[in-house]
């Protein structure tokens, strides 16, 4: 802690830690842990995160241990967070329930040791469920370093692993992954998710691929369709693809021709909200933002 840090907060932290070290009553102990954790969350204090990790390792009461577990997950971890004891457990044990429990503690981190440990799990032999849990953790604990390892999973036999891997790549990606997302949209296993990557990070170079994908998508009547992960509102792969195309209709006149084709020749294959989107886009300038991203 810095010298400028509020002395009252320092004193309060010390009081709470001492209370935890001396308390034997379960409810009181849990309440004290929660109060201490709230200070840690607010001020992002390694001292509190490290204290919670130490207590998690040594706590024997399963109810209290469970509470500490949930509180550590909320804390921000950085390069100065002492996570070696957690990572040693990952190295020592292979049982899914133990591995999953530790992975859950590694969320919300900017710590290279944590990212390396998660990558190591991806490169090792684990269950599909564990791969999915690692992917979820990398959303808040990964960097571009993880992308090559995630790419290896986007054609995994499990659709859930493949989808979660591609979603995590999109979360960590930027324009440098444009070609990857275009290739996945054209030839990949999880095309609807790839469309989100294209819409987020590709430019006019993806127009032909998006048109071709939407032609195939709309050549038959669909019973249902998946919602999107990265966009707000009533969106699916088709509507975000159409809105992506709308950005380039001044430079690519065939886009308006394609919109007209869909309304005239494929209208019976479209959902009502897709038809409404098309009609609205025909009137919408290419410069107008039509997609709203989730935070």
C-alpha atoms as a PDB file:
ATOM      1  CA  UNK A   1       0.000   0.000   0.000  1.00  0.00           C
ATOM      2  CA  UNK A   2       1.159   3.541  -0.694  1.00  0.00           C
ATOM      3  CA  UNK A   3       1.893   6.028   2.043  1.00  0.00           C
ATOM      4  CA  UNK A   4      -0.988   8.165   0.812  1.00  0.00           C
ATOM      5  CA  UNK A   5      -3.485   5.364   1.328  1.00  0.00           C
ATOM      6  CA  UNK A   6      -6.164   6.296   3.843  1.00  0.00           C
ATOM      7  CA  UNK A   7      -4.971   5.344   7.328  1.00  0.00           C
ATOM      8  CA  UNK A   8      -8.526   4.554   8.389  1.00  0.00           C
ATOM      9  CA  UNK A   9      -8.745   1.900   5.667  1.00  0.00           C
ATOM     10  CA  UNK A  10      -5.401   0.412   6.700  1.00  0.00           C
ATOM     11  CA  UNK A  11      -6.578   0.227  10.290  1.00  0.00           C
ATOM     12  CA  UNK A  12      -9.891  -1.343   9.252  1.00  0.00           C
ATOM     13  CA  UNK A  13      -8.077  -3.994   7.210  1.00  0.00           C
ATOM     14  CA  UNK A  14      -5.865  -4.879  10.148  1.00  0.00           C
ATOM     15  CA  UNK A  15      -8.872  -5.135  12.468  1.00  0.00           C
ATOM     16  CA  UNK A  16     -10.720  -7.421  10.039  1.00  0.00           C
ATOM     17  CA  UNK A  17      -7.684  -9.670   9.504  1.00  0.00           C
ATOM     18  CA  UNK A  18      -7.119  -9.960  13.233  1.00  0.00           C
ATOM     19  CA  UNK A  19     -10.780 -10.788  13.705  1.00  0.00           C
ATOM     20  CA  UNK A  20     -10.542 -13.538  11.106  1.00  0.00           C
ATOM     21  CA  UNK A  21      -7.425 -14.967  12.736  1.00  0.00           C
ATOM     22  CA  UNK A  22      -9.091 -15.116  16.134  1.00  0.00           C
ATOM     23  CA  UNK A  23     -12.703 -15.893  15.251  1.00  0.00           C
ATOM     24  CA  UNK A  24     -14.204 -19.355  15.781  1.00  0.00           C
ATOM     25  CA  UNK A  25     -17.875 -18.573  15.085  1.00  0.00           C
ATOM     26  CA  UNK A  26     -18.757 -19.496  11.489  1.00  0.00           C
ATOM     27  CA  UNK A  27     -21.327 -16.807  10.686  1.00  0.00           C
ATOM     28  CA  UNK A  28     -19.200 -14.058  12.191  1.00  0.00           C
ATOM     29  CA  UNK A  29     -16.159 -15.347  10.310  1.00  0.00           C
ATOM     30  CA  UNK A  30     -17.981 -15.377   6.972  1.00  0.00           C
ATOM     31  CA  UNK A  31     -19.326 -11.854   7.516  1.00  0.00           C
ATOM     32  CA  UNK A  32     -15.819 -10.610   8.301  1.00  0.00           C
ATOM     33  CA  UNK A  33     -14.370 -12.231   5.189  1.00  0.00           C
ATOM     34  CA  UNK A  34     -17.052 -10.534   3.077  1.00  0.00           C
ATOM     35  CA  UNK A  35     -16.277  -7.120   4.585  1.00  0.00           C
ATOM     36  CA  UNK A  36     -12.571  -7.577   3.944  1.00  0.00           C
ATOM     37  CA  UNK A  37     -13.222  -8.769   0.391  1.00  0.00           C
ATOM     38  CA  UNK A  38     -15.345  -5.709  -0.373  1.00  0.00           C
ATOM     39  CA  UNK A  39     -12.399  -3.468   0.526  1.00  0.00           C
ATOM     40  CA  UNK A  40     -10.138  -5.600  -1.672  1.00  0.00           C
ATOM     41  CA  UNK A  41     -12.507  -5.318  -4.628  1.00  0.00           C
ATOM     42  CA  UNK A  42     -12.928  -1.570  -4.246  1.00  0.00           C
ATOM     43  CA  UNK A  43      -9.237  -0.725  -3.975  1.00  0.00           C
ATOM     44  CA  UNK A  44      -7.728  -3.728  -5.830  1.00  0.00           C
ATOM     45  CA  UNK A  45      -5.380  -4.584  -2.978  1.00  0.00           C
ATOM     46  CA  UNK A  46      -2.935  -7.464  -3.355  1.00  0.00           C
ATOM     47  CA  UNK A  47      -2.564  -7.622   0.406  1.00  0.00           C
ATOM     48  CA  UNK A  48      -6.182  -8.716   0.737  1.00  0.00           C
ATOM     49  CA  UNK A  49      -6.125 -11.073  -2.246  1.00  0.00           C
ATOM     50  CA  UNK A  50      -2.970 -12.756  -0.944  1.00  0.00           C
ATOM     51  CA  UNK A  51      -4.494 -13.058   2.521  1.00  0.00           C
ATOM     52  CA  UNK A  52      -7.624 -14.692   1.101  1.00  0.00           C
ATOM     53  CA  UNK A  53      -5.549 -17.133  -0.955  1.00  0.00           C
ATOM     54  CA  UNK A  54      -3.551 -18.158   2.109  1.00  0.00           C
ATOM     55  CA  UNK A  55      -6.746 -18.711   4.077  1.00  0.00           C
ATOM     56  CA  UNK A  56      -8.313 -20.703   1.237  1.00  0.00           C
ATOM     57  CA  UNK A  57      -5.363 -23.095   1.242  1.00  0.00           C
ATOM     58  CA  UNK A  58      -5.458 -23.697   5.008  1.00  0.00           C
ATOM     59  CA  UNK A  59      -9.194 -23.428   5.834  1.00  0.00           C
ATOM     60  CA  UNK A  60     -10.746 -26.715   7.036  1.00  0.00           C
ATOM     61  CA  UNK A  61     -14.377 -25.598   7.364  1.00  0.00           C
ATOM     62  CA  UNK A  62     -15.945 -26.362   3.981  1.00  0.00           C
ATOM     63  CA  UNK A  63     -18.657 -23.685   4.316  1.00  0.00           C
ATOM     64  CA  UNK A  64     -16.098 -20.984   5.067  1.00  0.00           C
ATOM     65  CA  UNK A  65     -13.757 -22.314   2.377  1.00  0.00           C
ATOM     66  CA  UNK A  66     -16.563 -22.068  -0.178  1.00  0.00           C
ATOM     67  CA  UNK A  67     -17.170 -18.419   0.733  1.00  0.00           C
ATOM     68  CA  UNK A  68     -13.463 -17.581   0.490  1.00  0.00           C
ATOM     69  CA  UNK A  69     -13.427 -19.267  -2.930  1.00  0.00           C
ATOM     70  CA  UNK A  70     -16.200 -17.024  -4.242  1.00  0.00           C
ATOM     71  CA  UNK A  71     -14.498 -13.930  -2.796  1.00  0.00           C
ATOM     72  CA  UNK A  72     -11.091 -14.671  -4.367  1.00  0.00           C
ATOM     73  CA  UNK A  73     -12.735 -15.003  -7.759  1.00  0.00           C
ATOM     74  CA  UNK A  74     -13.992 -11.419  -7.490  1.00  0.00           C
ATOM     75  CA  UNK A  75     -10.578  -9.969  -6.630  1.00  0.00           C
ATOM     76  CA  UNK A  76      -8.350  -8.508  -9.330  1.00  0.00           C
ATOM     77  CA  UNK A  77      -5.031 -10.352  -9.608  1.00  0.00           C
ATOM     78  CA  UNK A  78      -1.885  -8.794 -11.052  1.00  0.00           C
ATOM     79  CA  UNK A  79       1.796  -9.691 -11.379  1.00  0.00           C
ATOM     80  CA  UNK A  80       2.308  -9.073  -7.655  1.00  0.00           C
ATOM     81  CA  UNK A  81      -0.472 -11.380  -6.525  1.00  0.00           C
ATOM     82  CA  UNK A  82       0.936 -14.468  -4.826  1.00  0.00           C
ATOM     83  CA  UNK A  83      -0.659 -17.283  -6.823  1.00  0.00           C
ATOM     84  CA  UNK A  84       2.060 -19.942  -6.690  1.00  0.00           C
ATOM     85  CA  UNK A  85       0.211 -21.986  -4.061  1.00  0.00           C
ATOM     86  CA  UNK A  86      -2.836 -22.182  -6.345  1.00  0.00           C
ATOM     87  CA  UNK A  87      -0.780 -23.064  -9.405  1.00  0.00           C
ATOM     88  CA  UNK A  88       1.014 -25.811  -7.498  1.00  0.00           C
ATOM     89  CA  UNK A  89      -2.364 -27.439  -6.873  1.00  0.00           C
ATOM     90  CA  UNK A  90      -3.028 -27.357 -10.627  1.00  0.00           C
ATOM     91  CA  UNK A  91       0.283 -29.102 -11.235  1.00  0.00           C
ATOM     92  CA  UNK A  92      -0.258 -31.694  -8.513  1.00  0.00           C
ATOM     93  CA  UNK A  93      -3.856 -32.746  -9.130  1.00  0.00           C
ATOM     94  CA  UNK A  94      -5.622 -33.877 -12.298  1.00  0.00           C
ATOM     95  CA  UNK A  95      -9.109 -34.551 -10.936  1.00  0.00           C
ATOM     96  CA  UNK A  96     -11.627 -32.352 -12.766  1.00  0.00           C
ATOM     97  CA  UNK A  97     -13.347 -31.072  -9.629  1.00  0.00           C
ATOM     98  CA  UNK A  98     -10.063 -29.874  -8.109  1.00  0.00           C
ATOM     99  CA  UNK A  99      -8.769 -28.375 -11.368  1.00  0.00           C
ATOM    100  CA  UNK A 100     -12.069 -26.614 -12.001  1.00  0.00           C
ATOM    101  CA  UNK A 101     -12.136 -25.203  -8.478  1.00  0.00           C
ATOM    102  CA  UNK A 102      -8.690 -23.620  -8.917  1.00  0.00           C
ATOM    103  CA  UNK A 103      -9.450 -22.344 -12.417  1.00  0.00           C
ATOM    104  CA  UNK A 104     -12.433 -20.487 -10.975  1.00  0.00           C
ATOM    105  CA  UNK A 105     -10.053 -18.609  -8.653  1.00  0.00           C
ATOM    106  CA  UNK A 106      -7.955 -17.355 -11.577  1.00  0.00           C
ATOM    107  CA  UNK A 107     -10.571 -15.089 -13.139  1.00  0.00           C
ATOM    108  CA  UNK A 108      -9.976 -11.319 -13.375  1.00  0.00           C
ATOM    109  CA  UNK A 109      -6.205 -11.461 -13.565  1.00  0.00           C
ATOM    110  CA  UNK A 110      -3.393  -9.682 -15.334  1.00  0.00           C
ATOM    111  CA  UNK A 111      -0.786 -12.180 -14.283  1.00  0.00           C
ATOM    112  CA  UNK A 112       1.514 -13.977 -16.711  1.00  0.00           C
ATOM    113  CA  UNK A 113       1.930 -16.993 -14.401  1.00  0.00           C
ATOM    114  CA  UNK A 114      -1.833 -17.497 -14.385  1.00  0.00           C
ATOM    115  CA  UNK A 115      -2.103 -17.207 -18.155  1.00  0.00           C
ATOM    116  CA  UNK A 116       0.776 -19.662 -18.626  1.00  0.00           C
ATOM    117  CA  UNK A 117      -0.936 -22.144 -16.300  1.00  0.00           C
ATOM    118  CA  UNK A 118      -4.202 -21.873 -18.240  1.00  0.00           C
ATOM    119  CA  UNK A 119      -2.370 -22.354 -21.540  1.00  0.00           C
ATOM    120  CA  UNK A 120      -0.688 -25.434 -20.102  1.00  0.00           C
ATOM    121  CA  UNK A 121      -4.105 -26.930 -19.336  1.00  0.00           C
ATOM    122  CA  UNK A 122      -5.240 -26.279 -22.920  1.00  0.00           C
ATOM    123  CA  UNK A 123      -2.147 -28.091 -24.179  1.00  0.00           C
ATOM    124  CA  UNK A 124      -2.628 -31.038 -21.800  1.00  0.00           C
ATOM    125  CA  UNK A 125      -5.078 -33.928 -21.730  1.00  0.00           C
ATOM    126  CA  UNK A 126      -8.204 -32.811 -19.873  1.00  0.00           C
ATOM    127  CA  UNK A 127     -11.958 -33.187 -20.217  1.00  0.00           C
ATOM    128  CA  UNK A 128     -14.000 -31.044 -22.575  1.00  0.00           C
ATOM    129  CA  UNK A 129     -15.604 -29.441 -19.528  1.00  0.00           C
ATOM    130  CA  UNK A 130     -12.213 -28.294 -18.212  1.00  0.00           C
ATOM    131  CA  UNK A 131     -11.278 -26.843 -21.605  1.00  0.00           C
ATOM    132  CA  UNK A 132     -14.505 -24.831 -21.534  1.00  0.00           C
ATOM    133  CA  UNK A 133     -13.772 -23.593 -18.004  1.00  0.00           C
ATOM    134  CA  UNK A 134     -10.284 -22.486 -19.092  1.00  0.00           C
ATOM    135  CA  UNK A 135     -11.749 -20.649 -22.076  1.00  0.00           C
ATOM    136  CA  UNK A 136     -14.175 -18.813 -19.814  1.00  0.00           C
ATOM    137  CA  UNK A 137     -11.356 -17.856 -17.461  1.00  0.00           C
ATOM    138  CA  UNK A 138      -9.236 -16.542 -20.329  1.00  0.00           C
ATOM    139  CA  UNK A 139     -11.941 -14.003 -21.119  1.00  0.00           C
ATOM    140  CA  UNK A 140     -10.735 -12.000 -18.131  1.00  0.00           C
ATOM    141  CA  UNK A 141      -7.258 -13.477 -17.605  1.00  0.00           C
ATOM    142  CA  UNK A 142      -5.890 -13.937 -21.108  1.00  0.00           C
ATOM    143  CA  UNK A 143      -3.922 -11.889 -23.615  1.00  0.00           C
ATOM    144  CA  UNK A 144      -3.008 -12.317 -27.268  1.00  0.00           C
ATOM    145  CA  UNK A 145      -0.445 -14.873 -26.086  1.00  0.00           C
ATOM    146  CA  UNK A 146      -3.306 -17.372 -25.626  1.00  0.00           C
ATOM    147  CA  UNK A 147      -4.711 -17.020 -29.140  1.00  0.00           C
ATOM    148  CA  UNK A 148      -2.482 -19.611 -30.935  1.00  0.00           C
ATOM    149  CA  UNK A 149      -3.366 -22.195 -28.294  1.00  0.00           C
ATOM    150  CA  UNK A 150      -7.075 -21.448 -28.597  1.00  0.00           C
ATOM    151  CA  UNK A 151      -6.899 -21.717 -32.388  1.00  0.00           C
ATOM    152  CA  UNK A 152      -5.955 -25.386 -31.957  1.00  0.00           C
ATOM    153  CA  UNK A 153      -9.353 -25.982 -30.316  1.00  0.00           C
ATOM    154  CA  UNK A 154     -11.667 -24.304 -32.855  1.00  0.00           C
ATOM    155  CA  UNK A 155     -12.109 -27.551 -34.771  1.00  0.00           C
ATOM    156  CA  UNK A 156     -12.416 -29.682 -31.631  1.00  0.00           C
ATOM    157  CA  UNK A 157     -14.779 -32.639 -31.852  1.00  0.00           C
ATOM    158  CA  UNK A 158     -16.937 -31.039 -29.167  1.00  0.00           C
ATOM    159  CA  UNK A 159     -18.993 -28.159 -30.563  1.00  0.00           C
ATOM    160  CA  UNK A 160     -19.064 -26.602 -27.095  1.00  0.00           C
ATOM    161  CA  UNK A 161     -15.263 -26.550 -26.868  1.00  0.00           C
ATOM    162  CA  UNK A 162     -14.922 -25.298 -30.442  1.00  0.00           C
ATOM    163  CA  UNK A 163     -17.475 -22.524 -29.891  1.00  0.00           C
ATOM    164  CA  UNK A 164     -16.089 -21.394 -26.543  1.00  0.00           C
ATOM    165  CA  UNK A 165     -12.570 -21.363 -28.003  1.00  0.00           C
ATOM    166  CA  UNK A 166     -13.603 -19.154 -30.917  1.00  0.00           C
ATOM    167  CA  UNK A 167     -15.585 -16.839 -28.629  1.00  0.00           C
ATOM    168  CA  UNK A 168     -12.524 -16.457 -26.401  1.00  0.00           C
ATOM    169  CA  UNK A 169     -10.323 -15.696 -29.411  1.00  0.00           C
ATOM    170  CA  UNK A 170     -12.772 -12.968 -30.447  1.00  0.00           C
ATOM    171  CA  UNK A 171     -12.620 -11.532 -26.925  1.00  0.00           C
ATOM    172  CA  UNK A 172      -8.810 -11.329 -27.068  1.00  0.00           C
ATOM    173  CA  UNK A 173      -8.447 -10.448 -30.758  1.00  0.00           C
ATOM    174  CA  UNK A 174      -8.089  -7.321 -32.849  1.00  0.00           C
ATOM    175  CA  UNK A 175      -7.889  -6.561 -36.589  1.00  0.00           C
ATOM    176  CA  UNK A 176      -4.887  -8.865 -36.943  1.00  0.00           C
ATOM    177  CA  UNK A 177      -7.260 -11.842 -36.660  1.00  0.00           C
ATOM    178  CA  UNK A 178      -9.448 -10.661 -39.563  1.00  0.00           C
ATOM    179  CA  UNK A 179      -8.133 -13.346 -41.926  1.00  0.00           C
ATOM    180  CA  UNK A 180      -8.709 -16.048 -39.305  1.00  0.00           C
ATOM    181  CA  UNK A 181     -12.350 -15.042 -38.859  1.00  0.00           C
ATOM    182  CA  UNK A 182     -12.943 -14.780 -42.610  1.00  0.00           C
ATOM    183  CA  UNK A 183     -11.484 -18.263 -43.119  1.00  0.00           C
ATOM    184  CA  UNK A 184     -13.623 -19.660 -40.312  1.00  0.00           C
ATOM    185  CA  UNK A 185     -16.728 -18.018 -41.785  1.00  0.00           C
ATOM    186  CA  UNK A 186     -16.018 -19.669 -45.120  1.00  0.00           C
ATOM    187  CA  UNK A 187     -14.608 -23.051 -44.137  1.00  0.00           C
ATOM    188  CA  UNK A 188     -14.832 -23.358 -40.364  1.00  0.00           C
ATOM    189  CA  UNK A 189     -16.948 -25.420 -38.007  1.00  0.00           C
ATOM    190  CA  UNK A 190     -18.629 -22.595 -36.055  1.00  0.00           C
ATOM    191  CA  UNK A 191     -19.655 -20.161 -38.773  1.00  0.00           C
ATOM    192  CA  UNK A 192     -22.235 -18.189 -36.794  1.00  0.00           C
ATOM    193  CA  UNK A 193     -19.626 -17.296 -34.185  1.00  0.00           C
ATOM    194  CA  UNK A 194     -17.048 -16.533 -36.893  1.00  0.00           C
ATOM    195  CA  UNK A 195     -19.492 -13.970 -38.304  1.00  0.00           C
ATOM    196  CA  UNK A 196     -19.215 -12.045 -35.031  1.00  0.00           C
ATOM    197  CA  UNK A 197     -15.423 -11.973 -35.367  1.00  0.00           C
ATOM    198  CA  UNK A 198     -15.746 -10.707 -38.928  1.00  0.00           C
ATOM    199  CA  UNK A 199     -18.206  -7.983 -37.945  1.00  0.00           C
ATOM    200  CA  UNK A 200     -15.958  -6.832 -35.114  1.00  0.00           C
ATOM    201  CA  UNK A 201     -12.570  -6.903 -36.795  1.00  0.00           C
ATOM    202  CA  UNK A 202     -12.829  -7.183 -40.593  1.00  0.00           C
ATOM    203  CA  UNK A 203     -13.296  -4.560 -43.270  1.00  0.00           C
ATOM    204  CA  UNK A 204     -14.348  -4.470 -46.900  1.00  0.00           C
ATOM    205  CA  UNK A 205     -12.075  -7.454 -47.601  1.00  0.00           C
ATOM    206  CA  UNK A 206     -14.727  -9.682 -45.996  1.00  0.00           C
ATOM    207  CA  UNK A 207     -17.714  -8.478 -48.045  1.00  0.00           C
ATOM    208  CA  UNK A 208     -17.676 -11.313 -50.603  1.00  0.00           C
ATOM    209  CA  UNK A 209     -17.384 -13.942 -47.864  1.00  0.00           C
ATOM    210  CA  UNK A 210     -20.252 -12.445 -45.863  1.00  0.00           C
ATOM    211  CA  UNK A 211     -22.502 -12.265 -48.934  1.00  0.00           C
ATOM    212  CA  UNK A 212     -21.719 -15.886 -49.800  1.00  0.00           C
ATOM    213  CA  UNK A 213     -22.385 -17.019 -46.236  1.00  0.00           C
ATOM    214  CA  UNK A 214     -25.736 -15.190 -46.088  1.00  0.00           C
ATOM    215  CA  UNK A 215     -26.772 -16.669 -49.428  1.00  0.00           C
ATOM    216  CA  UNK A 216     -26.217 -20.164 -48.030  1.00  0.00           C
ATOM    217  CA  UNK A 217     -27.802 -19.251 -44.712  1.00  0.00           C
ATOM    218  CA  UNK A 218     -31.005 -18.031 -46.317  1.00  0.00           C
ATOM    219  CA  UNK A 219     -31.494 -20.695 -48.970  1.00  0.00           C
ATOM    220  CA  UNK A 220     -33.784 -22.699 -46.689  1.00  0.00           C
ATOM    221  CA  UNK A 221     -36.407 -22.091 -44.055  1.00  0.00           C
ATOM    222  CA  UNK A 222     -34.978 -22.179 -40.519  1.00  0.00           C
ATOM    223  CA  UNK A 223     -36.956 -23.201 -37.454  1.00  0.00           C
ATOM    224  CA  UNK A 224     -34.728 -21.260 -35.040  1.00  0.00           C
ATOM    225  CA  UNK A 225     -31.495 -19.319 -35.039  1.00  0.00           C
ATOM    226  CA  UNK A 226     -28.849 -18.519 -32.456  1.00  0.00           C
ATOM    227  CA  UNK A 227     -28.559 -15.125 -30.820  1.00  0.00           C
ATOM    228  CA  UNK A 228     -25.225 -13.323 -30.795  1.00  0.00           C
ATOM    229  CA  UNK A 229     -22.662 -13.179 -28.009  1.00  0.00           C
ATOM    230  CA  UNK A 230     -20.996  -9.808 -28.577  1.00  0.00           C
ATOM    231  CA  UNK A 231     -23.928  -7.679 -29.734  1.00  0.00           C
ATOM    232  CA  UNK A 232     -26.904  -6.196 -27.940  1.00  0.00           C
ATOM    233  CA  UNK A 233     -30.476  -6.378 -29.179  1.00  0.00           C
ATOM    234  CA  UNK A 234     -32.442  -8.900 -31.185  1.00  0.00           C
ATOM    235  CA  UNK A 235     -29.544  -9.949 -33.414  1.00  0.00           C
ATOM    236  CA  UNK A 236     -28.507 -13.179 -35.058  1.00  0.00           C
ATOM    237  CA  UNK A 237     -25.829 -14.143 -37.568  1.00  0.00           C
ATOM    238  CA  UNK A 238     -27.952 -12.898 -40.468  1.00  0.00           C
ATOM    239  CA  UNK A 239     -28.808  -9.480 -39.053  1.00  0.00           C
ATOM    240  CA  UNK A 240     -25.261  -8.647 -37.961  1.00  0.00           C
ATOM    241  CA  UNK A 241     -23.977  -9.815 -41.361  1.00  0.00           C
ATOM    242  CA  UNK A 242     -26.465  -7.532 -43.104  1.00  0.00           C
ATOM    243  CA  UNK A 243     -25.494  -4.606 -40.887  1.00  0.00           C
ATOM    244  CA  UNK A 244     -21.831  -5.297 -41.582  1.00  0.00           C
ATOM    245  CA  UNK A 245     -22.515  -5.184 -45.320  1.00  0.00           C
ATOM    246  CA  UNK A 246     -24.443  -1.945 -44.991  1.00  0.00           C
ATOM    247  CA  UNK A 247     -21.230  -0.143 -43.963  1.00  0.00           C
ATOM    248  CA  UNK A 248     -19.747  -0.762 -47.391  1.00  0.00           C
ATOM    249  CA  UNK A 249     -22.697  -0.257 -49.743  1.00  0.00           C
ATOM    250  CA  UNK A 250     -21.337   3.047 -51.084  1.00  0.00           C
ATOM    251  CA  UNK A 251     -18.186   1.287 -52.269  1.00  0.00           C
ATOM    252  CA  UNK A 252     -19.832  -1.980 -53.227  1.00  0.00           C
ATOM    253  CA  UNK A 253     -23.006  -1.380 -55.222  1.00  0.00           C
ATOM    254  CA  UNK A 254     -23.685  -5.122 -55.369  1.00  0.00           C
ATOM    255  CA  UNK A 255     -24.602  -4.982 -51.674  1.00  0.00           C
ATOM    256  CA  UNK A 256     -27.834  -3.102 -52.358  1.00  0.00           C
ATOM    257  CA  UNK A 257     -28.526  -5.563 -55.184  1.00  0.00           C
ATOM    258  CA  UNK A 258     -28.056  -8.381 -52.668  1.00  0.00           C
ATOM    259  CA  UNK A 259     -30.455  -6.725 -50.201  1.00  0.00           C
ATOM    260  CA  UNK A 260     -33.075  -6.476 -52.938  1.00  0.00           C
ATOM    261  CA  UNK A 261     -32.500 -10.110 -53.908  1.00  0.00           C
ATOM    262  CA  UNK A 262     -33.155 -11.229 -50.337  1.00  0.00           C
ATOM    263  CA  UNK A 263     -36.386  -9.249 -50.098  1.00  0.00           C
ATOM    264  CA  UNK A 264     -37.676 -10.381 -53.481  1.00  0.00           C
ATOM    265  CA  UNK A 265     -36.398 -13.962 -53.747  1.00  0.00           C
ATOM    266  CA  UNK A 266     -35.732 -15.134 -50.209  1.00  0.00           C
ATOM    267  CA  UNK A 267     -38.357 -13.326 -48.135  1.00  0.00           C
ATOM    268  CA  UNK A 268     -40.121 -16.601 -47.333  1.00  0.00           C
ATOM    269  CA  UNK A 269     -36.870 -17.933 -45.852  1.00  0.00           C
ATOM    270  CA  UNK A 270     -36.350 -14.962 -43.521  1.00  0.00           C
ATOM    271  CA  UNK A 271     -37.596 -14.371 -39.995  1.00  0.00           C
ATOM    272  CA  UNK A 272     -39.805 -11.311 -39.520  1.00  0.00           C
ATOM    273  CA  UNK A 273     -37.122  -9.403 -37.657  1.00  0.00           C
ATOM    274  CA  UNK A 274     -34.617 -10.134 -40.439  1.00  0.00           C
ATOM    275  CA  UNK A 275     -37.062  -8.707 -42.959  1.00  0.00           C
ATOM    276  CA  UNK A 276     -37.530  -5.629 -40.777  1.00  0.00           C
ATOM    277  CA  UNK A 277     -33.743  -5.245 -40.529  1.00  0.00           C
ATOM    278  CA  UNK A 278     -33.356  -5.436 -44.297  1.00  0.00           C
ATOM    279  CA  UNK A 279     -36.063  -2.872 -44.963  1.00  0.00           C
ATOM    280  CA  UNK A 280     -34.520  -0.518 -42.425  1.00  0.00           C
ATOM    281  CA  UNK A 281     -30.997  -0.940 -43.814  1.00  0.00           C
ATOM    282  CA  UNK A 282     -32.108  -0.031 -47.317  1.00  0.00           C
ATOM    283  CA  UNK A 283     -32.998   3.403 -45.913  1.00  0.00           C
ATOM    284  CA  UNK A 284     -29.970   3.655 -43.598  1.00  0.00           C
ATOM    285  CA  UNK A 285     -26.816   5.543 -44.648  1.00  0.00           C
ATOM    286  CA  UNK A 286     -23.632   3.481 -44.700  1.00  0.00           C
ATOM    287  CA  UNK A 287     -22.058   5.833 -42.153  1.00  0.00           C
ATOM    288  CA  UNK A 288     -24.704   5.183 -39.501  1.00  0.00           C
ATOM    289  CA  UNK A 289     -23.739   2.785 -36.708  1.00  0.00           C
ATOM    290  CA  UNK A 290     -26.288  -0.016 -36.580  1.00  0.00           C
ATOM    291  CA  UNK A 291     -24.636  -2.552 -34.283  1.00  0.00           C
ATOM    292  CA  UNK A 292     -24.316  -2.079 -30.524  1.00  0.00           C
ATOM    293  CA  UNK A 293     -21.599  -4.088 -28.817  1.00  0.00           C
ATOM    294  CA  UNK A 294     -21.842  -5.563 -25.353  1.00  0.00           C
ATOM    295  CA  UNK A 295     -19.287  -4.171 -22.941  1.00  0.00           C
END
